[in-house]
Amino acid sequence: MQRYFITIGIVLLILGILWPWLQKVGLFRLPGDIIIEKQGFNFYFPITSGILISIVISLIFWLFKKL
C-alpha cells in the first residue's frame, strides 16, 4: 500500500511540473472533450482526456505490479 501512495505522489509531482507544457500540447482539448462556453458560464467535461489518463495510469500500475 505504501508503494502505491509513493507512486501516486511521484506521478502527481511530475504532472505538476509538466503542467505548463501539457497545456501547450493540448492534452485537455482533445476531440471528444465536452466544452460549453456561454456568456458568464463555462462547462468543461474531459471525457477523452480522462480515458487517456486512465489508460496511462493503469499501464504504470501494471508495470509496477510486474516488478
N, C-alpha and C. Protein backbone atom coordinates (compact mmCIF):
# COMPACT_ATOMS: atom_id res chain seq x y z
N MET A 1 0.83 -1.19 0.00
CA MET A 1 0.00 0.00 0.00
C MET A 1 0.87 1.26 0.00
N GLN A 2 1.96 1.21 0.73
CA GLN A 2 2.84 2.37 0.78
C GLN A 2 3.45 2.66 -0.59
N ARG A 3 3.75 1.61 -1.31
CA ARG A 3 4.35 1.76 -2.64
C ARG A 3 3.38 2.50 -3.58
N TYR A 4 2.08 2.20 -3.47
CA TYR A 4 1.08 2.88 -4.31
C TYR A 4 0.99 4.37 -3.98
N PHE A 5 1.01 4.70 -2.70
CA PHE A 5 0.94 6.11 -2.32
C PHE A 5 2.17 6.87 -2.78
N ILE A 6 3.32 6.26 -2.68
CA ILE A 6 4.54 6.89 -3.16
C ILE A 6 4.48 7.08 -4.67
N THR A 7 3.98 6.07 -5.37
CA THR A 7 3.86 6.16 -6.83
C THR A 7 2.88 7.26 -7.23
N ILE A 8 1.75 7.32 -6.57
CA ILE A 8 0.77 8.37 -6.87
C ILE A 8 1.36 9.74 -6.60
N GLY A 9 2.09 9.88 -5.51
CA GLY A 9 2.73 11.16 -5.19
C GLY A 9 3.74 11.56 -6.23
N ILE A 10 4.54 10.62 -6.70
CA ILE A 10 5.54 10.93 -7.73
C ILE A 10 4.87 11.31 -9.04
N VAL A 11 3.81 10.60 -9.40
CA VAL A 11 3.09 10.92 -10.64
C VAL A 11 2.47 12.32 -10.55
N LEU A 12 1.87 12.65 -9.42
CA LEU A 12 1.28 13.98 -9.25
C LEU A 12 2.35 15.06 -9.28
N LEU A 13 3.50 14.79 -8.71
CA LEU A 13 4.61 15.75 -8.74
C LEU A 13 5.07 15.99 -10.17
N ILE A 14 5.23 14.91 -10.93
CA ILE A 14 5.66 15.04 -12.32
C ILE A 14 4.61 15.79 -13.14
N LEU A 15 3.33 15.48 -12.92
CA LEU A 15 2.27 16.20 -13.64
C LEU A 15 2.27 17.68 -13.28
N GLY A 16 2.52 18.00 -12.01
CA GLY A 16 2.57 19.39 -11.59
C GLY A 16 3.71 20.14 -12.24
N ILE A 17 4.84 19.48 -12.37
CA ILE A 17 6.00 20.11 -13.01
C ILE A 17 5.77 20.28 -14.51
N LEU A 18 5.15 19.28 -15.14
CA LEU A 18 4.93 19.30 -16.58
C LEU A 18 3.66 20.03 -17.01
N TRP A 19 2.87 20.52 -16.07
CA TRP A 19 1.58 21.13 -16.39
C TRP A 19 1.65 22.24 -17.44
N PRO A 20 2.61 23.19 -17.37
CA PRO A 20 2.64 24.23 -18.41
C PRO A 20 2.84 23.66 -19.81
N TRP A 21 3.65 22.63 -19.94
CA TRP A 21 3.88 22.03 -21.25
C TRP A 21 2.69 21.19 -21.69
N LEU A 22 2.00 20.56 -20.75
CA LEU A 22 0.83 19.75 -21.10
C LEU A 22 -0.29 20.62 -21.65
N GLN A 23 -0.41 21.84 -21.14
CA GLN A 23 -1.44 22.74 -21.66
C GLN A 23 -1.11 23.17 -23.08
N LYS A 24 0.16 23.37 -23.39
CA LYS A 24 0.55 23.78 -24.75
C LYS A 24 0.34 22.65 -25.75
N VAL A 25 0.49 21.40 -25.31
CA VAL A 25 0.31 20.25 -26.18
C VAL A 25 -1.16 20.08 -26.54
N GLY A 26 -2.04 20.53 -25.69
CA GLY A 26 -3.47 20.40 -25.96
C GLY A 26 -4.06 19.12 -25.41
N LEU A 27 -3.48 18.60 -24.34
CA LEU A 27 -3.95 17.34 -23.77
C LEU A 27 -5.41 17.43 -23.33
N PHE A 28 -5.80 18.54 -22.77
CA PHE A 28 -7.17 18.66 -22.27
C PHE A 28 -8.08 19.40 -23.24
N ARG A 29 -7.75 19.37 -24.50
CA ARG A 29 -8.60 19.92 -25.57
C ARG A 29 -8.70 18.92 -26.72
N LEU A 30 -8.84 17.64 -26.38
CA LEU A 30 -8.91 16.59 -27.38
C LEU A 30 -10.32 16.49 -27.96
N PRO A 31 -10.45 15.93 -29.16
CA PRO A 31 -11.78 15.67 -29.69
C PRO A 31 -12.51 14.69 -28.77
N GLY A 32 -13.72 14.98 -28.45
CA GLY A 32 -14.48 14.14 -27.53
C GLY A 32 -14.64 14.78 -26.17
N ASP A 33 -13.81 15.77 -25.85
CA ASP A 33 -13.98 16.53 -24.61
C ASP A 33 -15.11 17.54 -24.82
N ILE A 34 -16.02 17.59 -23.87
CA ILE A 34 -17.19 18.46 -23.99
C ILE A 34 -16.86 19.83 -23.42
N ILE A 35 -17.00 20.85 -24.25
CA ILE A 35 -16.72 22.23 -23.84
C ILE A 35 -17.93 23.08 -24.22
N ILE A 36 -18.54 23.71 -23.23
CA ILE A 36 -19.65 24.62 -23.47
C ILE A 36 -19.26 25.96 -22.88
N GLU A 37 -19.16 26.97 -23.74
CA GLU A 37 -18.80 28.31 -23.30
C GLU A 37 -19.92 29.27 -23.68
N LYS A 38 -20.53 29.84 -22.67
CA LYS A 38 -21.56 30.85 -22.88
C LYS A 38 -21.19 32.07 -22.05
N GLN A 39 -21.89 33.13 -22.24
CA GLN A 39 -21.60 34.35 -21.51
C GLN A 39 -21.81 34.12 -20.01
N GLY A 40 -20.74 34.24 -19.24
CA GLY A 40 -20.82 34.07 -17.80
C GLY A 40 -20.87 32.63 -17.33
N PHE A 41 -20.67 31.67 -18.26
CA PHE A 41 -20.77 30.26 -17.89
C PHE A 41 -19.83 29.43 -18.76
N ASN A 42 -18.99 28.65 -18.12
CA ASN A 42 -18.11 27.70 -18.82
C ASN A 42 -18.29 26.33 -18.21
N PHE A 43 -18.47 25.33 -19.08
CA PHE A 43 -18.59 23.95 -18.63
C PHE A 43 -17.61 23.12 -19.42
N TYR A 44 -16.81 22.33 -18.72
CA TYR A 44 -15.80 21.51 -19.36
C TYR A 44 -15.85 20.12 -18.77
N PHE A 45 -16.02 19.10 -19.63
CA PHE A 45 -16.06 17.71 -19.19
C PHE A 45 -15.11 16.91 -20.07
N PRO A 46 -13.91 16.60 -19.56
CA PRO A 46 -12.87 15.97 -20.39
C PRO A 46 -13.01 14.45 -20.49
N ILE A 47 -13.94 13.98 -21.31
CA ILE A 47 -14.17 12.54 -21.45
C ILE A 47 -12.95 11.85 -22.07
N THR A 48 -12.53 12.30 -23.23
CA THR A 48 -11.42 11.66 -23.93
C THR A 48 -10.12 11.79 -23.15
N SER A 49 -9.86 12.95 -22.59
CA SER A 49 -8.64 13.13 -21.80
C SER A 49 -8.65 12.24 -20.57
N GLY A 50 -9.81 12.08 -19.94
CA GLY A 50 -9.92 11.21 -18.77
C GLY A 50 -9.65 9.75 -19.12
N ILE A 51 -10.15 9.31 -20.25
CA ILE A 51 -9.90 7.93 -20.69
C ILE A 51 -8.43 7.73 -20.98
N LEU A 52 -7.82 8.69 -21.65
CA LEU A 52 -6.40 8.59 -21.97
C LEU A 52 -5.54 8.56 -20.71
N ILE A 53 -5.83 9.42 -19.76
CA ILE A 53 -5.08 9.45 -18.50
C ILE A 53 -5.30 8.16 -17.72
N SER A 54 -6.51 7.63 -17.73
CA SER A 54 -6.80 6.37 -17.06
C SER A 54 -5.99 5.22 -17.64
N ILE A 55 -5.87 5.18 -18.95
CA ILE A 55 -5.09 4.12 -19.60
C ILE A 55 -3.62 4.23 -19.21
N VAL A 56 -3.09 5.44 -19.22
CA VAL A 56 -1.67 5.64 -18.85
C VAL A 56 -1.43 5.24 -17.40
N ILE A 57 -2.30 5.65 -16.50
CA ILE A 57 -2.13 5.29 -15.08
C ILE A 57 -2.27 3.79 -14.89
N SER A 58 -3.19 3.16 -15.59
CA SER A 58 -3.35 1.70 -15.50
C SER A 58 -2.09 0.99 -15.97
N LEU A 59 -1.49 1.47 -17.05
CA LEU A 59 -0.25 0.87 -17.53
C LEU A 59 0.89 1.05 -16.54
N ILE A 60 0.96 2.20 -15.90
CA ILE A 60 2.00 2.44 -14.90
C ILE A 60 1.84 1.49 -13.73
N PHE A 61 0.63 1.34 -13.24
CA PHE A 61 0.39 0.41 -12.13
C PHE A 61 0.66 -1.04 -12.54
N TRP A 62 0.31 -1.39 -13.77
CA TRP A 62 0.57 -2.74 -14.25
C TRP A 62 2.07 -3.01 -14.29
N LEU A 63 2.85 -2.01 -14.75
CA LEU A 63 4.30 -2.17 -14.79
C LEU A 63 4.89 -2.30 -13.38
N PHE A 64 4.41 -1.51 -12.43
CA PHE A 64 4.89 -1.62 -11.06
C PHE A 64 4.52 -2.94 -10.42
N LYS A 65 3.38 -3.48 -10.82
CA LYS A 65 2.95 -4.77 -10.29
C LYS A 65 3.85 -5.90 -10.79
N LYS A 66 4.36 -5.77 -11.99
CA LYS A 66 5.24 -6.77 -12.58
C LYS A 66 6.62 -6.74 -11.90
N LEU A 67 7.00 -5.61 -11.35
CA LEU A 67 8.33 -5.51 -10.71
C LEU A 67 8.32 -6.18 -9.41
